[in-house]
Amino acid sequence: MTKEKGLVMVFTGNGKGKTTASLGMAVRAWGQGMKVLILQFIKGDMFYGELNISEKLAGLEIRPLGKGFTNTGILEEHLVAAKDALCEARREISGGNWDMIILDEIIYALDAKLFSPEALMELIDIKPEGMHLVFTGRNANQTLIDRADLVTEMKEIKHPFMQGIRAQKGVEF
């Protein structure tokens, strides 16, 4: 096999690890000298540990653009944030400045109906040939799965929440 191309990758499922897997991929790509951008479609309402990465690793940037999960806050704020995040994603994907762009929790935003499935597919359509594009979030639809080159489903088997253990610093945030 000699064919190389920018891949469309999806991390989905109800288990923990979608963002974690994409962050690992980002660090791996950065380690190979690639420029990596992470746009977070839901996160933005609190501090997450990964935000410190951008300060330490030149060429790897994280931008939280969301207003938190849609069961919190005002729906209109979520809709505006998602629209703005989509505009930023389009601009950055078509700009050609990045080797990899990760759209963290974009599938969750789609599932929450913050934008149309067509808007998500447009991001794949405008992707430069050599760019890797990563989508994360629960409930990936079949159209996205069909368009992707790699799809991994995280399956929850056991989680500390089930035992009444709160989210842990450095693990969930």
Protein backbone atom coordinates (compact mmCIF):
# COMPACT_ATOMS: atom_id res chain seq x y z
CA MET A 1 0.00 0.00 0.00
CA THR A 2 1.45 3.32 -1.05
CA LYS A 3 -1.57 5.59 -1.18
CA GLU A 4 -1.50 8.48 1.28
CA LYS A 5 -4.33 10.94 1.79
CA GLY A 6 -5.88 13.04 4.47
CA LEU A 7 -8.32 10.86 6.37
CA VAL A 8 -11.79 11.54 7.73
CA MET A 9 -11.98 9.91 11.16
CA VAL A 10 -14.84 9.52 13.63
CA PHE A 11 -14.73 8.68 17.34
CA THR A 12 -18.27 7.99 18.53
CA GLY A 13 -20.24 5.86 20.99
CA ASN A 14 -21.59 6.18 24.51
CA GLY A 15 -18.34 5.27 26.25
CA LYS A 16 -15.64 7.55 27.61
CA GLY A 17 -12.64 8.20 25.41
CA LYS A 18 -13.72 10.06 22.27
CA THR A 19 -12.02 13.34 23.12
CA THR A 20 -9.20 11.49 24.82
CA ALA A 21 -8.51 9.46 21.66
CA SER A 22 -8.56 12.58 19.50
CA LEU A 23 -6.18 14.38 21.88
CA GLY A 24 -3.80 11.42 21.68
CA MET A 25 -3.97 11.59 17.90
CA ALA A 26 -3.31 15.34 18.05
CA VAL A 27 -0.19 14.85 20.18
CA ARG A 28 1.02 12.06 17.86
CA ALA A 29 0.53 14.28 14.79
CA TRP A 30 2.23 17.22 16.53
CA GLY A 31 5.14 14.90 17.37
CA GLN A 32 5.51 14.26 13.63
CA GLY A 33 5.82 18.00 12.98
CA MET A 34 2.22 18.48 11.89
CA LYS A 35 0.17 21.57 12.71
CA VAL A 36 -2.99 20.61 14.61
CA LEU A 37 -6.12 22.60 15.45
CA ILE A 38 -8.82 21.41 17.84
CA LEU A 39 -12.16 23.22 17.73
CA GLN A 40 -14.40 22.28 20.65
CA PHE A 41 -18.09 22.61 19.77
CA ILE A 42 -19.55 22.01 23.25
CA LYS A 43 -16.77 22.85 25.69
CA GLY A 44 -16.28 26.48 26.55
CA ASP A 45 -18.18 26.96 29.76
CA MET A 46 -15.45 25.73 32.12
CA PHE A 47 -11.73 24.93 32.21
CA TYR A 48 -10.53 21.59 30.88
CA GLY A 49 -6.97 20.34 31.42
CA GLU A 50 -6.25 19.98 27.71
CA LEU A 51 -6.43 23.76 27.30
CA ASN A 52 -2.92 23.99 28.77
CA ILE A 53 -1.54 22.09 25.76
CA SER A 54 -1.68 25.10 23.47
CA GLU A 55 0.55 27.09 25.83
CA LYS A 56 3.23 24.41 25.82
CA LEU A 57 3.14 22.92 22.31
CA ALA A 58 3.61 25.43 19.51
CA GLY A 59 1.71 24.22 16.46
CA LEU A 60 -1.07 22.55 18.45
CA GLU A 61 -3.96 24.88 19.20
CA ILE A 62 -7.24 24.30 21.06
CA ARG A 63 -10.19 26.68 20.83
CA PRO A 64 -13.23 26.07 23.06
CA LEU A 65 -16.20 27.54 21.18
CA GLY A 66 -19.26 26.07 22.89
CA LYS A 67 -21.56 27.01 25.74
CA GLY A 68 -21.57 23.65 27.54
CA PHE A 69 -23.89 20.71 27.03
CA THR A 70 -27.31 21.65 25.70
CA ASN A 71 -29.13 20.56 28.86
CA THR A 72 -27.59 23.68 30.45
CA GLY A 73 -28.01 27.31 29.47
CA ILE A 74 -30.29 28.95 26.94
CA LEU A 75 -30.93 27.12 23.66
CA GLU A 76 -30.49 30.29 21.61
CA GLU A 77 -26.96 30.72 23.02
CA HIS A 78 -26.11 27.15 21.98
CA LEU A 79 -27.48 27.73 18.47
CA VAL A 80 -25.44 30.92 18.02
CA ALA A 81 -22.27 29.29 19.39
CA ALA A 82 -22.71 26.28 17.07
CA LYS A 83 -23.27 28.53 14.05
CA ASP A 84 -20.15 30.54 14.90
CA ALA A 85 -18.13 27.36 15.47
CA LEU A 86 -19.24 25.99 12.07
CA CYS A 87 -18.14 29.23 10.39
CA GLU A 88 -14.77 29.00 12.11
CA ALA A 89 -14.44 25.32 11.11
CA ARG A 90 -15.22 26.14 7.45
CA ARG A 91 -12.70 28.99 7.46
CA GLU A 92 -9.93 26.91 9.06
CA ILE A 93 -10.55 23.79 6.94
CA SER A 94 -10.51 25.73 3.70
CA GLY A 95 -7.60 27.93 4.83
CA GLY A 96 -5.00 25.21 4.37
CA ASN A 97 -2.95 26.18 7.44
CA TRP A 98 -3.43 22.92 9.34
CA ASP A 99 -2.44 19.30 8.74
CA MET A 100 -5.11 17.99 11.12
CA ILE A 101 -8.30 19.55 12.42
CA ILE A 102 -10.26 17.91 15.21
CA LEU A 103 -13.90 18.94 15.61
CA ASP A 104 -14.47 17.84 19.19
CA GLU A 105 -18.09 17.06 20.18
CA ILE A 106 -19.38 18.25 16.80
CA ILE A 107 -21.44 15.06 16.51
CA TYR A 108 -23.10 15.87 19.84
CA ALA A 109 -23.93 19.35 18.53
CA LEU A 110 -25.42 17.79 15.40
CA ASP A 111 -27.40 15.28 17.46
CA ALA A 112 -28.75 18.20 19.55
CA LYS A 113 -29.95 19.76 16.25
CA LEU A 114 -27.78 22.85 16.61
CA PHE A 115 -27.16 22.67 12.84
CA SER A 116 -28.10 20.46 9.89
CA PRO A 117 -26.46 17.20 8.80
CA GLU A 118 -25.73 18.91 5.47
CA ALA A 119 -23.59 21.51 7.26
CA LEU A 120 -21.47 18.71 8.72
CA MET A 121 -21.08 16.98 5.33
CA GLU A 122 -20.01 20.29 3.78
CA LEU A 123 -16.97 20.26 6.07
CA ILE A 124 -15.87 16.98 4.52
CA ASP A 125 -16.55 18.32 1.03
CA ILE A 126 -14.25 21.33 1.49
CA LYS A 127 -11.43 19.41 3.20
CA PRO A 128 -8.11 19.71 1.33
CA GLU A 129 -6.84 16.35 0.05
CA GLY A 130 -3.91 16.13 2.47
CA MET A 131 -5.69 17.28 5.65
CA HIS A 132 -6.82 14.84 8.33
CA LEU A 133 -10.27 15.71 9.71
CA VAL A 134 -11.50 14.18 12.98
CA PHE A 135 -15.08 14.25 14.31
CA THR A 136 -15.98 13.26 17.89
CA GLY A 137 -19.26 12.83 19.74
CA ARG A 138 -22.04 10.40 20.53
CA ASN A 139 -24.56 9.14 17.99
CA ALA A 140 -22.72 9.50 14.69
CA ASN A 141 -25.26 9.19 11.89
CA GLN A 142 -24.93 6.66 9.11
CA THR A 143 -24.10 9.29 6.48
CA LEU A 144 -21.05 10.41 8.47
CA ILE A 145 -20.01 6.82 9.13
CA ASP A 146 -20.28 6.06 5.40
CA ARG A 147 -18.17 9.10 4.43
CA ALA A 148 -15.44 8.43 7.01
CA ASP A 149 -12.26 6.46 6.38
CA LEU A 150 -11.98 5.34 10.01
CA VAL A 151 -14.74 4.98 12.60
CA THR A 152 -14.18 3.86 16.18
CA GLU A 153 -17.06 3.34 18.58
CA MET A 154 -16.37 3.73 22.29
CA LYS A 155 -18.57 1.31 24.21
CA GLU A 156 -19.27 1.92 27.87
CA ILE A 157 -18.82 -1.24 29.90
CA LYS A 158 -18.21 0.28 33.32
CA HIS A 159 -17.89 3.90 34.44
CA PRO A 160 -17.21 5.46 37.87
CA PHE A 161 -20.40 7.55 37.55
CA MET A 162 -22.36 4.30 37.94
CA GLN A 163 -20.75 3.90 41.37
CA GLY A 164 -21.56 7.47 42.40
CA ILE A 165 -18.02 8.73 41.80
CA ARG A 166 -17.85 12.31 40.54
CA ALA A 167 -15.89 13.43 37.47
CA GLN A 168 -12.19 13.36 38.21
CA LYS A 169 -9.70 16.13 37.44
CA GLY A 170 -7.28 14.89 34.77
CA VAL A 171 -9.63 12.10 33.72
CA GLU A 172 -12.87 13.77 32.62
CA PHE A 173 -11.72 17.38 32.56
